[in-house]
Protein backbone atom coordinates (compact mmCIF):
# COMPACT_ATOMS: atom_id res chain seq x y z
CA MET A 1 94.02 -60.36 159.82
CA ALA A 2 90.25 -60.13 160.14
CA SER A 3 88.36 -58.77 157.15
CA PRO A 4 84.70 -57.76 156.96
CA ALA A 5 82.38 -60.75 157.34
CA ASP A 6 78.60 -61.07 157.12
CA THR A 7 78.24 -62.02 160.80
CA TRP A 8 80.21 -60.88 163.84
CA LEU A 9 80.10 -61.81 167.50
CA VAL A 10 80.72 -58.64 169.53
CA VAL A 11 81.33 -59.29 173.22
CA GLY A 12 81.36 -56.51 175.81
CA LEU A 13 83.39 -57.50 178.85
CA GLY A 14 82.31 -56.66 182.38
CA ASN A 15 80.91 -57.97 185.65
CA PRO A 16 77.23 -58.76 186.34
CA GLY A 17 74.88 -56.78 188.55
CA SER A 18 74.01 -53.16 189.25
CA ALA A 19 76.95 -52.73 191.67
CA TYR A 20 79.38 -53.00 188.75
CA ALA A 21 77.29 -51.48 185.95
CA SER A 22 78.87 -48.02 186.04
CA THR A 23 82.46 -49.06 186.80
CA ARG A 24 85.46 -48.71 184.48
CA HIS A 25 85.70 -52.51 184.18
CA ASN A 26 82.26 -52.55 182.54
CA VAL A 27 82.91 -50.05 179.78
CA GLY A 28 82.89 -52.91 177.26
CA GLN A 29 79.32 -53.76 178.19
CA MET A 30 78.37 -50.08 177.92
CA VAL A 31 79.64 -50.09 174.32
CA VAL A 32 77.66 -53.23 173.46
CA ASP A 33 74.56 -51.63 175.00
CA GLU A 34 75.07 -48.65 172.68
CA LEU A 35 75.39 -50.95 169.67
CA ALA A 36 72.16 -52.75 170.67
CA THR A 37 70.39 -49.38 170.81
CA ARG A 38 71.66 -48.52 167.34
CA ALA A 39 70.48 -51.89 166.01
CA SER A 40 67.10 -51.62 167.81
CA ALA A 41 67.92 -55.00 169.35
CA ALA A 42 66.92 -56.23 172.81
CA PHE A 43 69.06 -58.48 175.00
CA LYS A 44 67.60 -61.87 175.90
CA SER A 45 68.88 -64.71 178.06
CA HIS A 46 70.83 -67.29 176.07
CA LYS A 47 71.69 -70.87 177.02
CA THR A 48 75.41 -69.98 176.91
CA ASN A 49 75.08 -68.07 180.23
CA ALA A 50 75.03 -64.76 178.41
CA GLN A 51 72.65 -62.00 177.39
CA VAL A 52 72.45 -61.83 173.60
CA ALA A 53 70.96 -59.32 171.15
CA GLU A 54 70.95 -59.83 167.38
CA GLY A 55 70.51 -57.19 164.73
CA ARG A 56 71.90 -55.08 161.92
CA ILE A 57 72.77 -51.40 162.35
CA HIS A 58 72.61 -50.81 158.61
CA VAL A 59 70.62 -52.73 156.01
CA PRO A 60 72.29 -54.08 154.02
CA GLY A 61 75.08 -54.65 156.47
CA PRO A 62 76.66 -57.33 158.61
CA LYS A 63 74.65 -59.13 161.26
CA LEU A 64 75.86 -58.36 164.78
CA ILE A 65 75.47 -60.84 167.62
CA LEU A 66 75.97 -58.69 170.69
CA ALA A 67 76.75 -60.49 173.94
CA LYS A 68 77.36 -59.86 177.63
CA SER A 69 78.33 -62.74 179.90
CA ASN A 70 76.17 -63.36 182.98
CA GLY A 71 79.32 -64.39 184.87
CA TYR A 72 82.25 -62.44 186.23
CA MET A 73 85.07 -61.00 184.13
CA ASN A 74 87.54 -63.81 184.82
CA THR A 75 85.04 -66.43 183.54
CA SER A 76 84.30 -64.69 180.22
CA GLY A 77 85.87 -67.45 178.13
CA GLY A 78 83.22 -70.14 178.55
CA PRO A 79 80.29 -68.11 177.22
CA VAL A 80 82.39 -66.66 174.37
CA SER A 81 83.62 -70.10 173.29
CA GLN A 82 80.08 -71.51 173.46
CA LEU A 83 78.65 -68.58 171.49
CA LEU A 84 81.21 -69.07 168.71
CA LYS A 85 80.18 -72.74 168.48
CA PHE A 86 76.44 -72.00 168.72
CA TYR A 87 76.58 -69.54 165.82
CA SER A 88 79.23 -71.53 163.86
CA LEU A 89 81.64 -68.60 163.84
CA GLU A 90 85.43 -68.52 163.72
CA PRO A 91 87.50 -66.56 166.27
CA ALA A 92 88.39 -64.17 163.41
CA GLN A 93 84.71 -63.11 163.49
CA LEU A 94 84.94 -62.19 167.19
CA ILE A 95 85.34 -58.63 168.46
CA VAL A 96 86.01 -58.21 172.18
CA VAL A 97 85.37 -54.76 173.68
CA GLN A 98 87.42 -54.33 176.86
CA ASP A 99 88.62 -51.73 179.33
CA GLU A 100 92.36 -50.97 179.15
CA LEU A 101 94.44 -49.53 182.00
CA ASP A 102 97.48 -48.86 179.83
CA ILE A 103 95.62 -46.45 177.56
CA PRO A 104 94.61 -42.95 178.70
CA PHE A 105 90.94 -42.26 179.26
CA ASP A 106 89.13 -41.08 176.11
CA THR A 107 91.46 -43.08 173.83
CA LEU A 108 90.86 -46.22 171.76
CA LYS A 109 93.33 -48.80 170.49
CA LEU A 110 92.26 -51.46 168.02
CA LYS A 111 94.20 -54.61 167.26
CA PHE A 112 93.96 -58.17 166.01
CA GLY A 113 95.65 -61.00 167.89
CA GLY A 114 98.29 -60.92 170.58
CA GLY A 115 98.37 -61.80 174.26
CA HIS A 116 96.04 -60.86 177.09
CA GLY A 117 98.12 -57.96 178.43
CA GLY A 118 97.17 -58.85 181.99
CA HIS A 119 93.44 -58.49 181.35
CA ASN A 120 91.63 -61.35 183.11
CA GLY A 121 88.65 -61.39 180.76
CA VAL A 122 90.83 -61.58 177.65
CA ARG A 123 93.07 -64.16 179.35
CA ASP A 124 90.07 -66.43 179.95
CA ILE A 125 88.79 -66.02 176.38
CA ILE A 126 92.20 -67.01 174.96
CA LYS A 127 92.28 -70.01 177.31
CA ALA A 128 88.75 -71.14 176.40
CA THR A 129 89.03 -70.64 172.64
CA GLY A 130 92.64 -71.79 172.34
CA THR A 131 93.63 -68.72 170.34
CA GLY A 132 94.28 -65.00 170.60
CA ASP A 133 93.36 -64.49 166.95
CA PHE A 134 90.41 -62.15 167.43
CA THR A 135 89.90 -58.40 167.27
CA ARG A 136 90.09 -56.27 170.40
CA VAL A 137 88.60 -52.81 170.85
CA ARG A 138 90.56 -51.54 173.85
CA VAL A 139 88.82 -48.63 175.56
CA GLY A 140 91.19 -46.54 177.63
CA VAL A 141 90.27 -46.06 181.30
CA GLY A 142 93.71 -44.84 182.40
CA ARG A 143 95.85 -45.87 185.32
CA PRO A 144 95.02 -44.78 188.89
CA PRO A 145 96.92 -41.81 190.31
CA GLY A 146 100.01 -42.39 192.43
CA SER A 147 100.36 -45.83 193.98
CA SER A 148 96.64 -46.63 194.01
CA ASP A 149 95.78 -50.25 193.29
CA ALA A 150 94.87 -50.95 189.67
CA ALA A 151 92.37 -53.68 190.62
CA ASP A 152 90.49 -51.22 192.84
CA HIS A 153 90.67 -48.54 190.13
CA VAL A 154 88.82 -50.56 187.49
CA LEU A 155 86.07 -51.48 189.96
CA LYS A 156 85.32 -47.83 190.73
CA ALA A 157 82.88 -45.62 188.89
CA PHE A 158 84.16 -43.01 186.47
CA SER A 159 84.93 -39.62 187.96
CA ALA A 160 82.56 -36.69 187.45
CA ALA A 161 84.91 -35.18 184.87
CA GLU A 162 85.19 -38.52 183.04
CA ARG A 163 81.43 -39.02 183.07
CA LYS A 164 81.00 -35.83 181.03
CA ASN A 165 83.06 -37.32 178.21
CA LEU A 166 82.03 -40.96 178.70
CA PRO A 167 79.13 -40.87 176.19
CA ILE A 168 81.57 -39.62 173.52
CA LEU A 169 84.06 -42.39 174.33
CA ILE A 170 81.34 -45.06 174.24
CA GLY A 171 80.05 -43.63 170.95
CA ASP A 172 83.53 -43.67 169.45
CA ALA A 173 84.06 -47.28 170.52
CA ALA A 174 80.70 -48.27 169.01
CA ASP A 175 81.67 -46.42 165.81
CA ALA A 176 84.95 -48.37 165.79
CA VAL A 177 83.10 -51.68 166.01
CA GLU A 178 80.81 -50.61 163.15
CA LEU A 179 83.78 -49.63 161.00
CA ILE A 180 85.62 -52.90 161.69
CA THR A 181 82.57 -54.90 160.63
CA THR A 182 81.91 -52.92 157.46
CA GLN A 183 85.30 -51.67 156.22
CA GLY A 184 87.84 -53.74 158.13
CA LEU A 185 90.28 -53.24 160.98
CA THR A 186 92.80 -51.16 159.04
CA ALA A 187 90.18 -48.55 158.13
CA ALA A 188 89.09 -48.34 161.75
CA GLN A 189 92.68 -48.01 162.97
CA LEU A 190 93.35 -45.22 160.50
CA ARG A 191 90.37 -43.29 161.83
CA PHE A 192 90.71 -43.85 165.55
CA HIS A 193 94.46 -44.16 166.05
CA THR A 194 94.98 -40.79 164.37
CA LYS A 195 92.00 -39.10 166.01
CA SER A 196 93.11 -35.85 167.62
CA ALA A 197 92.47 -35.53 171.35
C-alpha cells in the first residue's frame, strides 16, 4: 500500500482539445488543473508527449508532478510510463485521477491497485507500466439514464444541474489527492468514503 512520499506523479486522464475539455471523460484533467492552480504551477510541454506542471501546494510538503497526456485516453500509458522513468519514480508514487461510470456523480472512491474496471485509460497505463499497483482517485460521473450508451455518456458535457456542483466535486478530488500525498491513502479514504452526501 502506498504511503506518503516526497514526490508524486499525479496524472489527470482525459482527451486532448477544446471539444473534450468540458466532458465527463476529462474530469481527471479538471482535477489536475485545480491542483496546478493551488500549487501556482504552470503546465509546459514535456518530451513525454504530455503537459507537465511541477510544484508544492504546501511548504514543506511533497513535490507534485502534475501531468496531462497530449494523446487520447486509450493511449495514456506511454506518457505515464515515460514520466515515471524520467523522474525516477515507482508506480507506488503514481496517482491516477479518472472518471468512473460505476460511481454516482458527486462521489469519490479511492483505492490502491486492482484491475482497470473497463476504463481504457487505466487499462493502457497498466499495460504500459506492467502493474496495477498505483493509487486511483475515481471521480463519479454516474451511468447514463435508461439504455443510453455509456461511451457516448462520458463524451458529453455535464448537465446544467451537475455543473452547479462540479466545482465542489473537483475541489473534493483535489483535496483527496492532497491528503493521499501528505497523510496516506487510508486517511483520505476515511474522510471521503464516509463523507455524507
